[in-house]
C-alpha atoms as a PDB file:
ATOM      1  CA  MET A   1       9.158  12.508   8.474  1.00  0.00           C
ATOM      2  CA  GLU A   2       6.217  11.396   6.397  1.00  0.00           C
ATOM      3  CA  LYS A   3       5.520  13.203   3.155  1.00  0.00           C
ATOM      4  CA  VAL A   4       2.135  14.864   3.350  1.00  0.00           C
ATOM      5  CA  LYS A   5       0.078  16.575   0.406  1.00  0.00           C
ATOM      6  CA  VAL A   6      -2.943  18.189   0.826  1.00  0.00           C
ATOM      7  CA  TYR A   7      -5.093  18.057  -2.546  1.00  0.00           C
ATOM      8  CA  ARG A   8      -7.157  20.919  -3.147  1.00  0.00           C
ATOM      9  CA  ASN A   9     -10.212  20.955  -5.435  1.00  0.00           C
ATOM     10  CA  SER A  10      -8.262  23.221  -7.723  1.00  0.00           C
ATOM     11  CA  ASP A  11      -5.009  20.921  -7.968  1.00  0.00           C
ATOM     12  CA  ILE A  12      -7.195  18.246  -9.595  1.00  0.00           C
ATOM     13  CA  LYS A  13      -6.958  18.301 -13.392  1.00  0.00           C
ATOM     14  CA  ALA A  14      -8.809  15.458 -14.353  1.00  0.00           C
ATOM     15  CA  ILE A  15     -10.505  12.222 -12.865  1.00  0.00           C
ATOM     16  CA  TYR A  16     -10.649   9.156 -14.972  1.00  0.00           C
ATOM     17  CA  ALA A  17     -12.717   5.908 -14.103  1.00  0.00           C
ATOM     18  CA  PHE A  18     -12.322   2.849 -16.016  1.00  0.00           C
ATOM     19  CA  ILE A  19     -12.233  -1.052 -15.875  1.00  0.00           C
ATOM     20  CA  PRO A  20      -8.964  -2.522 -17.220  1.00  0.00           C
ATOM     21  CA  PRO A  21      -9.248  -5.087 -19.944  1.00  0.00           C
ATOM     22  CA  GLY A  22      -9.532  -8.735 -18.422  1.00  0.00           C
ATOM     23  CA  HIS A  23     -10.559  -7.070 -15.014  1.00  0.00           C
ATOM     24  CA  ARG A  24     -14.254  -6.470 -13.320  1.00  0.00           C
ATOM     25  CA  HIS A  25     -13.468  -3.552 -11.194  1.00  0.00           C
ATOM     26  CA  VAL A  26     -13.300   0.042 -11.670  1.00  0.00           C
ATOM     27  CA  ARG A  27      -9.946   1.872 -11.413  1.00  0.00           C
ATOM     28  CA  PHE A  28      -9.816   5.647 -10.733  1.00  0.00           C
ATOM     29  CA  MET A  29      -7.067   7.640 -12.114  1.00  0.00           C
ATOM     30  CA  VAL A  30      -6.653  11.230 -10.706  1.00  0.00           C
ATOM     31  CA  GLU A  31      -4.313  13.630 -12.357  1.00  0.00           C
ATOM     32  CA  ALA A  32      -2.990  16.522 -10.047  1.00  0.00           C
ATOM     33  CA  GLY A  33      -0.428  18.564 -11.663  1.00  0.00           C
ATOM     34  CA  GLU A  34       2.750  16.413 -12.241  1.00  0.00           C
ATOM     35  CA  GLU A  35       1.338  13.568 -10.261  1.00  0.00           C
ATOM     36  CA  VAL A  36      -1.161  10.770 -11.426  1.00  0.00           C
ATOM     37  CA  MET A  37      -2.653   8.609  -8.714  1.00  0.00           C
ATOM     38  CA  ILE A  38      -4.555   5.400  -9.492  1.00  0.00           C
ATOM     39  CA  PHE A  39      -7.067   3.868  -6.883  1.00  0.00           C
ATOM     40  CA  GLN A  40      -8.756   0.600  -7.000  1.00  0.00           C
ATOM     41  CA  GLU A  41     -12.474   0.206  -6.423  1.00  0.00           C
ATOM     42  CA  ALA A  42     -12.145  -0.967  -2.883  1.00  0.00           C
ATOM     43  CA  THR A  43     -10.424   1.990  -2.146  1.00  0.00           C
ATOM     44  CA  VAL A  44     -12.655   4.643  -3.624  1.00  0.00           C
ATOM     45  CA  ALA A  45     -15.602   2.337  -1.637  1.00  0.00           C
ATOM     46  CA  GLY A  46     -13.880   3.032   1.556  1.00  0.00           C
ATOM     47  CA  LEU A  47     -13.730   6.707   0.682  1.00  0.00           C
ATOM     48  CA  VAL A  48     -17.711   6.950  -0.220  1.00  0.00           C
ATOM     49  CA  ARG A  49     -18.319   4.914   2.855  1.00  0.00           C
ATOM     50  CA  ALA A  50     -16.116   7.281   5.107  1.00  0.00           C
ATOM     51  CA  TYR A  51     -17.929  10.365   3.366  1.00  0.00           C
ATOM     52  CA  ALA A  52     -21.305   9.048   4.121  1.00  0.00           C
ATOM     53  CA  MET A  53     -20.772   8.120   7.559  1.00  0.00           C
ATOM     54  CA  THR A  54     -19.642  11.507   8.111  1.00  0.00           C
ATOM     55  CA  ALA A  55     -21.189  14.123   5.792  1.00  0.00           C
ATOM     56  CA  LEU A  56     -24.333  12.483   5.434  1.00  0.00           C
ATOM     57  CA  HIS A  57     -24.806  11.250   8.949  1.00  0.00           C
ATOM     58  CA  PRO A  58     -27.273  13.408  11.334  1.00  0.00           C
ATOM     59  CA  VAL A  59     -24.744  12.887  14.283  1.00  0.00           C
ATOM     60  CA  ASN A  60     -21.390  11.507  13.411  1.00  0.00           C
ATOM     61  CA  LYS A  61     -18.610  14.002  12.833  1.00  0.00           C
ATOM     62  CA  GLY A  62     -15.704  11.489  12.165  1.00  0.00           C
ATOM     63  CA  ILE A  63     -14.734   7.928  11.332  1.00  0.00           C
ATOM     64  CA  VAL A  64     -11.260   6.048  11.013  1.00  0.00           C
ATOM     65  CA  LEU A  65     -11.156   3.122   8.676  1.00  0.00           C
ATOM     66  CA  ARG A  66      -8.047   0.662   8.773  1.00  0.00           C
ATOM     67  CA  ALA A  67      -6.892  -1.603   6.256  1.00  0.00           C
ATOM     68  CA  GLY A  68      -7.212  -5.375   6.891  1.00  0.00           C
ATOM     69  CA  ARG A  69      -7.754  -8.694   5.211  1.00  0.00           C
ATOM     70  CA  ILE A  70     -10.957 -10.398   4.975  1.00  0.00           C
ATOM     71  CA  PRO A  71     -11.115 -14.167   4.397  1.00  0.00           C
ATOM     72  CA  SER A  72     -13.450 -15.556   2.348  1.00  0.00           C
ATOM     73  CA  PRO A  73     -15.888 -16.473   3.986  1.00  0.00           C
ATOM     74  CA  PRO A  74     -17.155 -14.065   5.367  1.00  0.00           C
ATOM     75  CA  ARG A  75     -16.270 -11.637   2.461  1.00  0.00           C
ATOM     76  CA  LYS A  76     -19.014 -11.285  -0.340  1.00  0.00           C
ATOM     77  CA  GLN A  77     -18.269 -12.587  -3.480  1.00  0.00           C
ATOM     78  CA  ASP A  78     -16.355 -10.352  -5.810  1.00  0.00           C
ATOM     79  CA  PHE A  79     -14.978  -8.035  -3.056  1.00  0.00           C
ATOM     80  CA  ALA A  80     -11.292  -7.512  -2.612  1.00  0.00           C
ATOM     81  CA  GLU A  81      -9.478  -9.386  -0.042  1.00  0.00           C
ATOM     82  CA  TYR A  82      -7.828  -6.317   1.469  1.00  0.00           C
ATOM     83  CA  GLN A  83     -10.573  -3.664   2.565  1.00  0.00           C
ATOM     84  CA  VAL A  84     -10.379  -0.565   4.950  1.00  0.00           C
ATOM     85  CA  LEU A  85     -12.941  -1.135   7.477  1.00  0.00           C
ATOM     86  CA  GLU A  86     -14.850   1.087   9.965  1.00  0.00           C
ATOM     87  CA  GLU A  87     -12.985   1.204  13.300  1.00  0.00           C
ATOM     88  CA  THR A  88     -13.695   4.175  15.107  1.00  0.00           C
ATOM     89  CA  LEU A  89     -16.839   6.623  15.019  1.00  0.00           C
ATOM     90  CA  GLY A  90     -17.674   9.811  16.536  1.00  0.00           C
ATOM     91  CA  GLU A  91     -15.909  11.665  19.449  1.00  0.00           C
ATOM     92  CA  GLU A  92     -12.890   8.995  19.562  1.00  0.00           C
ATOM     93  CA  ALA A  93     -12.540   9.056  15.942  1.00  0.00           C
ATOM     94  CA  LEU A  94     -12.245  12.951  16.274  1.00  0.00           C
ATOM     95  CA  LYS A  95      -9.447  12.535  19.035  1.00  0.00           C
ATOM     96  CA  GLU A  96      -7.633   9.855  16.967  1.00  0.00           C
ATOM     97  CA  ILE A  97      -7.664  12.209  13.869  1.00  0.00           C
ATOM     98  CA  GLU A  98      -6.560  15.324  15.772  1.00  0.00           C
ATOM     99  CA  ALA A  99      -3.642  13.290  17.480  1.00  0.00           C
ATOM    100  CA  ARG A 100      -2.695  12.123  13.883  1.00  0.00           C
ATOM    101  CA  LEU A 101      -2.667  15.272  12.334  1.00  0.00           C
ATOM    102  CA  GLU A 102      -0.667  16.861  15.115  1.00  0.00           C
ATOM    103  CA  LYS A 103       2.048  14.181  15.045  1.00  0.00           C
ATOM    104  CA  LEU A 104       2.184  14.978  11.017  1.00  0.00           C
ATOM    105  CA  GLY A 105       2.307  18.611  11.738  1.00  0.00           C
ATOM    106  CA  ILE A 106      -0.915  19.761  10.112  1.00  0.00           C
ATOM    107  CA  THR A 107      -3.758  21.985  11.137  1.00  0.00           C
ATOM    108  CA  TYR A 108      -6.958  21.306  10.179  1.00  0.00           C
ATOM    109  CA  THR A 109      -7.552  22.068   6.248  1.00  0.00           C
END
């Protein structure tokens, strides 16, 4: 079975944003108890898009983004080769999310 961990806001001890020497894109380091997670900018951009397409959208209540490789072109300059892209929206996304949570043995948190 897959390992699942739900992070509550109270679990997060610190969030750091930084550009490593020799790089141009931001990394994010999240400290949660004894765990440290580092996310690349493209991952956080996907999270922001998913957030905007659900929380800020007047109708949409769900979205599924999937990882994929984008060749250049059509990928914009300075964008990562691997991105999470919008695949499913709305009711279909909610059905997929519910099925995935059920398979993991998780109820809505």
